[in-house]
Amino acid sequence: MLDLRDLHCFVTVYEVAGFAKAAERLNTVQSNVSARIRRLEMQIGAPLFERLHRSIRPTAKGDTLYRYAKPVLENVSALEVAIKGKNAA
């Protein structure tokens, strides 16, 4: 099963188009971001990004993963709000 933290990291990298920018946004180091993306790539069995000279570009698998991962993460966030809201009532 894919780890939600890895998916969150992937979505951030995808949206900001960079490992360093994602690390800054996630308040972590770039090596942690790279390790999470490598782990996802190992689980999926394909690269998620093309590493270019000074940039990255999502592969077809990366685009597919993003289309599915983004709503999953949004639903998890909504679930957390709903559960915490019920506890507060």
PDB file of N, CA and C in Angstrom:
ATOM      1  N   MET A   1       0.846  -1.179   0.000  1.00  0.00           N
ATOM      2  CA  MET A   1       0.000   0.000   0.000  1.00  0.00           C
ATOM      3  C   MET A   1       0.891   1.243   0.000  1.00  0.00           C
ATOM      4  N   LEU A   2       0.482   2.234  -0.738  1.00  0.00           N
ATOM      5  CA  LEU A   2       1.239   3.474  -0.819  1.00  0.00           C
ATOM      6  C   LEU A   2       1.049   4.288   0.463  1.00  0.00           C
ATOM      7  N   ASP A   3       2.123   4.884   0.918  1.00  0.00           N
ATOM      8  CA  ASP A   3       2.130   5.680   2.142  1.00  0.00           C
ATOM      9  C   ASP A   3       1.568   7.075   1.852  1.00  0.00           C
ATOM     10  N   LEU A   4       0.645   7.534   2.693  1.00  0.00           N
ATOM     11  CA  LEU A   4       0.038   8.851   2.488  1.00  0.00           C
ATOM     12  C   LEU A   4       1.065   9.981   2.562  1.00  0.00           C
ATOM     13  N   ARG A   5       2.069   9.835   3.418  1.00  0.00           N
ATOM     14  CA  ARG A   5       3.102  10.875   3.510  1.00  0.00           C
ATOM     15  C   ARG A   5       3.915  10.940   2.224  1.00  0.00           C
ATOM     16  N   ASP A   6       4.180   9.772   1.633  1.00  0.00           N
ATOM     17  CA  ASP A   6       4.888   9.748   0.354  1.00  0.00           C
ATOM     18  C   ASP A   6       4.035  10.392  -0.735  1.00  0.00           C
ATOM     19  N   LEU A   7       2.736  10.098  -0.724  1.00  0.00           N
ATOM     20  CA  LEU A   7       1.834  10.695  -1.716  1.00  0.00           C
ATOM     21  C   LEU A   7       1.760  12.211  -1.547  1.00  0.00           C
ATOM     22  N   HIS A   8       1.694  12.661  -0.308  1.00  0.00           N
ATOM     23  CA  HIS A   8       1.668  14.108  -0.048  1.00  0.00           C
ATOM     24  C   HIS A   8       2.938  14.763  -0.581  1.00  0.00           C
ATOM     25  N   CYS A   9       4.057  14.132  -0.344  1.00  0.00           N
ATOM     26  CA  CYS A   9       5.332  14.635  -0.848  1.00  0.00           C
ATOM     27  C   CYS A   9       5.317  14.663  -2.379  1.00  0.00           C
ATOM     28  N   PHE A  10       4.860  13.583  -3.000  1.00  0.00           N
ATOM     29  CA  PHE A  10       4.786  13.512  -4.461  1.00  0.00           C
ATOM     30  C   PHE A  10       3.915  14.636  -5.019  1.00  0.00           C
ATOM     31  N   VAL A  11       2.731  14.820  -4.453  1.00  0.00           N
ATOM     32  CA  VAL A  11       1.814  15.860  -4.936  1.00  0.00           C
ATOM     33  C   VAL A  11       2.466  17.237  -4.805  1.00  0.00           C
ATOM     34  N   THR A  12       3.171  17.464  -3.727  1.00  0.00           N
ATOM     35  CA  THR A  12       3.851  18.747  -3.546  1.00  0.00           C
ATOM     36  C   THR A  12       4.932  18.942  -4.601  1.00  0.00           C
ATOM     37  N   VAL A  13       5.756  17.916  -4.831  1.00  0.00           N
ATOM     38  CA  VAL A  13       6.794  18.006  -5.868  1.00  0.00           C
ATOM     39  C   VAL A  13       6.147  18.292  -7.218  1.00  0.00           C
ATOM     40  N   TYR A  14       5.086  17.585  -7.519  1.00  0.00           N
ATOM     41  CA  TYR A  14       4.377  17.747  -8.789  1.00  0.00           C
ATOM     42  C   TYR A  14       3.872  19.185  -8.945  1.00  0.00           C
ATOM     43  N   GLU A  15       3.266  19.714  -7.901  1.00  0.00           N
ATOM     44  CA  GLU A  15       2.647  21.042  -7.985  1.00  0.00           C
ATOM     45  C   GLU A  15       3.662  22.182  -8.022  1.00  0.00           C
ATOM     46  N   VAL A  16       4.783  22.033  -7.339  1.00  0.00           N
ATOM     47  CA  VAL A  16       5.785  23.109  -7.339  1.00  0.00           C
ATOM     48  C   VAL A  16       6.884  22.868  -8.372  1.00  0.00           C
ATOM     49  N   ALA A  17       6.849  21.697  -9.010  1.00  0.00           N
ATOM     50  CA  ALA A  17       7.782  21.345 -10.091  1.00  0.00           C
ATOM     51  C   ALA A  17       9.244  21.370  -9.656  1.00  0.00           C
ATOM     52  N   GLY A  18       9.504  20.867  -8.453  1.00  0.00           N
ATOM     53  CA  GLY A  18      10.888  20.801  -8.016  1.00  0.00           C
ATOM     54  C   GLY A  18      11.042  20.152  -6.654  1.00  0.00           C
ATOM     55  N   PHE A  19      12.150  19.444  -6.484  1.00  0.00           N
ATOM     56  CA  PHE A  19      12.435  18.769  -5.224  1.00  0.00           C
ATOM     57  C   PHE A  19      12.814  19.774  -4.139  1.00  0.00           C
ATOM     58  N   ALA A  20      13.654  20.754  -4.476  1.00  0.00           N
ATOM     59  CA  ALA A  20      14.085  21.740  -3.478  1.00  0.00           C
ATOM     60  C   ALA A  20      12.907  22.602  -3.024  1.00  0.00           C
ATOM     61  N   LYS A  21      12.080  23.032  -3.973  1.00  0.00           N
ATOM     62  CA  LYS A  21      10.907  23.839  -3.616  1.00  0.00           C
ATOM     63  C   LYS A  21       9.944  23.033  -2.753  1.00  0.00           C
ATOM     64  N   ALA A  22       9.783  21.762  -3.077  1.00  0.00           N
ATOM     65  CA  ALA A  22       8.898  20.900  -2.285  1.00  0.00           C
ATOM     66  C   ALA A  22       9.447  20.733  -0.874  1.00  0.00           C
ATOM     67  N   ALA A  23      10.750  20.539  -0.760  1.00  0.00           N
ATOM     68  CA  ALA A  23      11.364  20.390   0.560  1.00  0.00           C
ATOM     69  C   ALA A  23      11.119  21.633   1.403  1.00  0.00           C
ATOM     70  N   GLU A  24      11.260  22.789   0.782  1.00  0.00           N
ATOM     71  CA  GLU A  24      11.019  24.044   1.504  1.00  0.00           C
ATOM     72  C   GLU A  24       9.563  24.131   1.955  1.00  0.00           C
ATOM     73  N   ARG A  25       8.646  23.810   1.068  1.00  0.00           N
ATOM     74  CA  ARG A  25       7.220  23.884   1.407  1.00  0.00           C
ATOM     75  C   ARG A  25       6.865  22.882   2.500  1.00  0.00           C
ATOM     76  N   LEU A  26       7.490  21.700   2.462  1.00  0.00           N
ATOM     77  CA  LEU A  26       7.188  20.650   3.438  1.00  0.00           C
ATOM     78  C   LEU A  26       8.019  20.780   4.713  1.00  0.00           C
ATOM     79  N   ASN A  27       8.877  21.809   4.753  1.00  0.00           N
ATOM     80  CA  ASN A  27       9.736  22.046   5.910  1.00  0.00           C
ATOM     81  C   ASN A  27      10.593  20.825   6.233  1.00  0.00           C
ATOM     82  N   THR A  28      11.260  20.331   5.205  1.00  0.00           N
ATOM     83  CA  THR A  28      12.146  19.183   5.357  1.00  0.00           C
ATOM     84  C   THR A  28      13.355  19.398   4.455  1.00  0.00           C
ATOM     85  N   VAL A  29      14.229  18.418   4.394  1.00  0.00           N
ATOM     86  CA  VAL A  29      15.411  18.518   3.541  1.00  0.00           C
ATOM     87  C   VAL A  29      15.149  17.825   2.206  1.00  0.00           C
ATOM     88  N   GLN A  30      15.889  18.255   1.203  1.00  0.00           N
ATOM     89  CA  GLN A  30      15.693  17.724  -0.141  1.00  0.00           C
ATOM     90  C   GLN A  30      15.958  16.222  -0.203  1.00  0.00           C
ATOM     91  N   SER A  31      16.903  15.732   0.576  1.00  0.00           N
ATOM     92  CA  SER A  31      17.202  14.294   0.549  1.00  0.00           C
ATOM     93  C   SER A  31      16.010  13.468   1.028  1.00  0.00           C
ATOM     94  N   ASN A  32      15.232  14.000   1.960  1.00  0.00           N
ATOM     95  CA  ASN A  32      14.030  13.309   2.428  1.00  0.00           C
ATOM     96  C   ASN A  32      12.987  13.250   1.312  1.00  0.00           C
ATOM     97  N   VAL A  33      12.813  14.351   0.609  1.00  0.00           N
ATOM     98  CA  VAL A  33      11.876  14.392  -0.519  1.00  0.00           C
ATOM     99  C   VAL A  33      12.314  13.390  -1.584  1.00  0.00           C
ATOM    100  N   SER A  34      13.586  13.403  -1.928  1.00  0.00           N
ATOM    101  CA  SER A  34      14.106  12.472  -2.939  1.00  0.00           C
ATOM    102  C   SER A  34      13.893  11.025  -2.524  1.00  0.00           C
ATOM    103  N   ALA A  35      14.118  10.722  -1.255  1.00  0.00           N
ATOM    104  CA  ALA A  35      13.939   9.348  -0.766  1.00  0.00           C
ATOM    105  C   ALA A  35      12.480   8.918  -0.859  1.00  0.00           C
ATOM    106  N   ARG A  36      11.566   9.797  -0.539  1.00  0.00           N
ATOM    107  CA  ARG A  36      10.136   9.461  -0.624  1.00  0.00           C
ATOM    108  C   ARG A  36       9.716   9.224  -2.076  1.00  0.00           C
ATOM    109  N   ILE A  37      10.216  10.040  -2.983  1.00  0.00           N
ATOM    110  CA  ILE A  37       9.880   9.854  -4.398  1.00  0.00           C
ATOM    111  C   ILE A  37      10.497   8.552  -4.909  1.00  0.00           C
ATOM    112  N   ARG A  38      11.726   8.268  -4.535  1.00  0.00           N
ATOM    113  CA  ARG A  38      12.363   6.994  -4.931  1.00  0.00           C
ATOM    114  C   ARG A  38      11.566   5.802  -4.422  1.00  0.00           C
ATOM    115  N   ARG A  39      11.089   5.891  -3.179  1.00  0.00           N
ATOM    116  CA  ARG A  39      10.304   4.792  -2.607  1.00  0.00           C
ATOM    117  C   ARG A  39       9.021   4.575  -3.424  1.00  0.00           C
ATOM    118  N   LEU A  40       8.342   5.654  -3.766  1.00  0.00           N
ATOM    119  CA  LEU A  40       7.140   5.533  -4.602  1.00  0.00           C
ATOM    120  C   LEU A  40       7.481   4.924  -5.961  1.00  0.00           C
ATOM    121  N   GLU A  41       8.567   5.385  -6.555  1.00  0.00           N
ATOM    122  CA  GLU A  41       8.966   4.856  -7.864  1.00  0.00           C
ATOM    123  C   GLU A  41       9.280   3.366  -7.784  1.00  0.00           C
ATOM    124  N   MET A  42       9.884   2.941  -6.695  1.00  0.00           N
ATOM    125  CA  MET A  42      10.166   1.509  -6.503  1.00  0.00           C
ATOM    126  C   MET A  42       8.861   0.731  -6.371  1.00  0.00           C
ATOM    127  N   GLN A  43       7.920   1.249  -5.607  1.00  0.00           N
ATOM    128  CA  GLN A  43       6.639   0.565  -5.420  1.00  0.00           C
ATOM    129  C   GLN A  43       5.854   0.490  -6.723  1.00  0.00           C
ATOM    130  N   ILE A  44       5.890   1.554  -7.493  1.00  0.00           N
ATOM    131  CA  ILE A  44       5.136   1.609  -8.740  1.00  0.00           C
ATOM    132  C   ILE A  44       5.874   0.884  -9.858  1.00  0.00           C
ATOM    133  N   GLY A  45       7.180   0.867  -9.770  1.00  0.00           N
ATOM    134  CA  GLY A  45       7.981   0.187 -10.783  1.00  0.00           C
ATOM    135  C   GLY A  45       8.251   1.031 -12.017  1.00  0.00           C
ATOM    136  N   ALA A  46       8.185   2.344 -11.852  1.00  0.00           N
ATOM    137  CA  ALA A  46       8.431   3.245 -12.975  1.00  0.00           C
ATOM    138  C   ALA A  46       8.795   4.627 -12.442  1.00  0.00           C
ATOM    139  N   PRO A  47       9.572   5.389 -13.211  1.00  0.00           N
ATOM    140  CA  PRO A  47       9.873   6.760 -12.788  1.00  0.00           C
ATOM    141  C   PRO A  47       8.627   7.636 -12.830  1.00  0.00           C
ATOM    142  N   LEU A  48       8.540   8.553 -11.893  1.00  0.00           N
ATOM    143  CA  LEU A  48       7.413   9.484 -11.824  1.00  0.00           C
ATOM    144  C   LEU A  48       7.765  10.847 -12.404  1.00  0.00           C
ATOM    145  N   PHE A  49       9.055  11.131 -12.459  1.00  0.00           N
ATOM    146  CA  PHE A  49       9.537  12.397 -13.011  1.00  0.00           C
ATOM    147  C   PHE A  49      10.729  12.141 -13.912  1.00  0.00           C
ATOM    148  N   GLU A  50      10.824  12.935 -14.974  1.00  0.00           N
ATOM    149  CA  GLU A  50      12.041  12.985 -15.773  1.00  0.00           C
ATOM    150  C   GLU A  50      12.931  14.017 -15.104  1.00  0.00           C
ATOM    151  N   ARG A  51      14.145  13.623 -14.780  1.00  0.00           N
ATOM    152  CA  ARG A  51      15.092  14.557 -14.178  1.00  0.00           C
ATOM    153  C   ARG A  51      15.861  15.210 -15.318  1.00  0.00           C
ATOM    154  N   LEU A  52      15.623  16.487 -15.521  1.00  0.00           N
ATOM    155  CA  LEU A  52      16.282  17.244 -16.573  1.00  0.00           C
ATOM    156  C   LEU A  52      17.443  18.017 -15.965  1.00  0.00           C
ATOM    157  N   HIS A  53      18.125  18.803 -16.769  1.00  0.00           N
ATOM    158  CA  HIS A  53      19.323  19.501 -16.285  1.00  0.00           C
ATOM    159  C   HIS A  53      19.053  20.318 -15.026  1.00  0.00           C
ATOM    160  N   ARG A  54      18.081  21.179 -15.063  1.00  0.00           N
ATOM    161  CA  ARG A  54      17.794  22.016 -13.898  1.00  0.00           C
ATOM    162  C   ARG A  54      16.316  22.007 -13.544  1.00  0.00           C
ATOM    163  N   SER A  55      15.614  21.015 -14.019  1.00  0.00           N
ATOM    164  CA  SER A  55      14.182  20.956 -13.743  1.00  0.00           C
ATOM    165  C   SER A  55      13.708  19.506 -13.792  1.00  0.00           C
ATOM    166  N   ILE A  56      12.450  19.322 -13.493  1.00  0.00           N
ATOM    167  CA  ILE A  56      11.840  18.000 -13.595  1.00  0.00           C
ATOM    168  C   ILE A  56      10.549  18.130 -14.390  1.00  0.00           C
ATOM    169  N   ARG A  57      10.138  17.020 -14.957  1.00  0.00           N
ATOM    170  CA  ARG A  57       8.877  16.973 -15.691  1.00  0.00           C
ATOM    171  C   ARG A  57       8.223  15.641 -15.349  1.00  0.00           C
ATOM    172  N   PRO A  58       6.923  15.645 -15.027  1.00  0.00           N
ATOM    173  CA  PRO A  58       6.263  14.376 -14.708  1.00  0.00           C
ATOM    174  C   PRO A  58       6.208  13.458 -15.928  1.00  0.00           C
ATOM    175  N   THR A  59       6.363  12.180 -15.670  1.00  0.00           N
ATOM    176  CA  THR A  59       6.180  11.174 -16.711  1.00  0.00           C
ATOM    177  C   THR A  59       4.684  10.897 -16.839  1.00  0.00           C
ATOM    178  N   ALA A  60       4.318  10.055 -17.792  1.00  0.00           N
ATOM    179  CA  ALA A  60       2.908   9.671 -17.933  1.00  0.00           C
ATOM    180  C   ALA A  60       2.413   9.004 -16.650  1.00  0.00           C
ATOM    181  N   LYS A  61       3.247   8.150 -16.040  1.00  0.00           N
ATOM    182  CA  LYS A  61       2.865   7.513 -14.763  1.00  0.00           C
ATOM    183  C   LYS A  61       2.725   8.563 -13.667  1.00  0.00           C
ATOM    184  N   GLY A  62       3.591   9.564 -13.676  1.00  0.00           N
ATOM    185  CA  GLY A  62       3.493  10.646 -12.700  1.00  0.00           C
ATOM    186  C   GLY A  62       2.199  11.424 -12.849  1.00  0.00           C
ATOM    187  N   ASP A  63       1.821  11.706 -14.094  1.00  0.00           N
ATOM    188  CA  ASP A  63       0.546  12.394 -14.332  1.00  0.00           C
ATOM    189  C   ASP A  63      -0.630  11.555 -13.830  1.00  0.00           C
ATOM    190  N   THR A  64      -0.586  10.257 -14.100  1.00  0.00           N
ATOM    191  CA  THR A  64      -1.663   9.365 -13.655  1.00  0.00           C
ATOM    192  C   THR A  64      -1.730   9.319 -12.136  1.00  0.00           C
ATOM    193  N   LEU A  65      -0.571   9.156 -11.494  1.00  0.00           N
ATOM    194  CA  LEU A  65      -0.558   9.107 -10.033  1.00  0.00           C
ATOM    195  C   LEU A  65      -1.116  10.402  -9.457  1.00  0.00           C
ATOM    196  N   TYR A  66      -0.748  11.537 -10.020  1.00  0.00           N
ATOM    197  CA  TYR A  66      -1.243  12.821  -9.517  1.00  0.00           C
ATOM    198  C   TYR A  66      -2.763  12.897  -9.610  1.00  0.00           C
ATOM    199  N   ARG A  67      -3.310  12.488 -10.750  1.00  0.00           N
ATOM    200  CA  ARG A  67      -4.767  12.553 -10.939  1.00  0.00           C
ATOM    201  C   ARG A  67      -5.512  11.746  -9.882  1.00  0.00           C
ATOM    202  N   TYR A  68      -4.923  10.659  -9.418  1.00  0.00           N
ATOM    203  CA  TYR A  68      -5.574   9.838  -8.392  1.00  0.00           C
ATOM    204  C   TYR A  68      -5.187  10.262  -6.981  1.00  0.00           C
ATOM    205  N   ALA A  69      -3.935  10.657  -6.778  1.00  0.00           N
ATOM    206  CA  ALA A  69      -3.450  10.976  -5.431  1.00  0.00           C
ATOM    207  C   ALA A  69      -4.046  12.269  -4.891  1.00  0.00           C
ATOM    208  N   LYS A  70      -4.206  13.268  -5.729  1.00  0.00           N
ATOM    209  CA  LYS A  70      -4.714  14.569  -5.273  1.00  0.00           C
ATOM    210  C   LYS A  70      -6.079  14.431  -4.598  1.00  0.00           C
ATOM    211  N   PRO A  71      -7.075  13.785  -5.244  1.00  0.00           N
ATOM    212  CA  PRO A  71      -8.370  13.648  -4.563  1.00  0.00           C
ATOM    213  C   PRO A  71      -8.312  12.746  -3.331  1.00  0.00           C
ATOM    214  N   VAL A  72      -7.433  11.755  -3.336  1.00  0.00           N
ATOM    215  CA  VAL A  72      -7.290  10.896  -2.152  1.00  0.00           C
ATOM    216  C   VAL A  72      -6.847  11.745  -0.963  1.00  0.00           C
ATOM    217  N   LEU A  73      -5.844  12.574  -1.167  1.00  0.00           N
ATOM    218  CA  LEU A  73      -5.346  13.421  -0.080  1.00  0.00           C
ATOM    219  C   LEU A  73      -6.397  14.441   0.359  1.00  0.00           C
ATOM    220  N   GLU A  74      -7.148  14.973  -0.594  1.00  0.00           N
ATOM    221  CA  GLU A  74      -8.226  15.899  -0.232  1.00  0.00           C
ATOM    222  C   GLU A  74      -9.293  15.192   0.599  1.00  0.00           C
ATOM    223  N   ASN A  75      -9.612  13.954   0.244  1.00  0.00           N
ATOM    224  CA  ASN A  75     -10.603  13.191   1.008  1.00  0.00           C
ATOM    225  C   ASN A  75     -10.098  12.851   2.402  1.00  0.00           C
ATOM    226  N   VAL A  76      -8.822  12.535   2.528  1.00  0.00           N
ATOM    227  CA  VAL A  76      -8.253  12.255   3.848  1.00  0.00           C
ATOM    228  C   VAL A  76      -8.330  13.508   4.715  1.00  0.00           C
ATOM    229  N   SER A  77      -8.021  14.661   4.139  1.00  0.00           N
ATOM    230  CA  SER A  77      -8.119  15.917   4.895  1.00  0.00           C
ATOM    231  C   SER A  77      -9.553  16.185   5.328  1.00  0.00           C
ATOM    232  N   ALA A  78     -10.503  15.955   4.429  1.00  0.00           N
ATOM    233  CA  ALA A  78     -11.917  16.150   4.764  1.00  0.00           C
ATOM    234  C   ALA A  78     -12.352  15.182   5.857  1.00  0.00           C
ATOM    235  N   LEU A  79     -11.868  13.958   5.792  1.00  0.00           N
ATOM    236  CA  LEU A  79     -12.180  12.959   6.810  1.00  0.00           C
ATOM    237  C   LEU A  79     -11.663  13.408   8.173  1.00  0.00           C
ATOM    238  N   GLU A  80     -10.426  13.899   8.210  1.00  0.00           N
ATOM    239  CA  GLU A  80      -9.859  14.365   9.477  1.00  0.00           C
ATOM    240  C   GLU A  80     -10.688  15.504  10.062  1.00  0.00           C
ATOM    241  N   VAL A  81     -11.110  16.432   9.221  1.00  0.00           N
ATOM    242  CA  VAL A  81     -11.941  17.547   9.689  1.00  0.00           C
ATOM    243  C   VAL A  81     -13.271  17.026  10.219  1.00  0.00           C
ATOM    244  N   ALA A  82     -13.883  16.104   9.490  1.00  0.00           N
ATOM    245  CA  ALA A  82     -15.181  15.557   9.908  1.00  0.00           C
ATOM    246  C   ALA A  82     -15.069  14.819  11.239  1.00  0.00           C
ATOM    247  N   ILE A  83     -14.031  14.024  11.393  1.00  0.00           N
ATOM    248  CA  ILE A  83     -13.848  13.249  12.629  1.00  0.00           C
ATOM    249  C   ILE A  83     -13.548  14.182  13.800  1.00  0.00           C
ATOM    250  N   LYS A  84     -12.657  15.114  13.600  1.00  0.00           N
ATOM    251  CA  LYS A  84     -12.324  16.046  14.680  1.00  0.00           C
ATOM    252  C   LYS A  84     -13.523  16.906  15.037  1.00  0.00           C
ATOM    253  N   GLY A  85     -14.320  17.258  14.044  1.00  0.00           N
ATOM    254  CA  GLY A  85     -15.528  18.038  14.287  1.00  0.00           C
ATOM    255  C   GLY A  85     -16.521  17.266  15.132  1.00  0.00           C
ATOM    256  N   LYS A  86     -16.654  15.961  14.874  1.00  0.00           N
ATOM    257  CA  LYS A  86     -17.571  15.129  15.656  1.00  0.00           C
ATOM    258  C   LYS A  86     -17.088  15.015  17.099  1.00  0.00           C
ATOM    259  N   ASN A  87     -15.776  14.924  17.302  1.00  0.00           N
ATOM    260  CA  ASN A  87     -15.234  14.827  18.659  1.00  0.00           C
ATOM    261  C   ASN A  87     -15.456  16.117  19.439  1.00  0.00           C
ATOM    262  N   ALA A  88     -15.453  17.235  18.736  1.00  0.00           N
ATOM    263  CA  ALA A  88     -15.610  18.527  19.409  1.00  0.00           C
ATOM    264  C   ALA A  88     -17.061  18.779  19.818  1.00  0.00           C
ATOM    265  N   ALA A  89     -17.994  18.098  19.170  1.00  0.00           N
ATOM    266  CA  ALA A  89     -19.423  18.343  19.452  1.00  0.00           C
ATOM    267  C   ALA A  89     -19.861  17.758  20.766  1.00  0.00           C
TER     268      ALA A  89
END
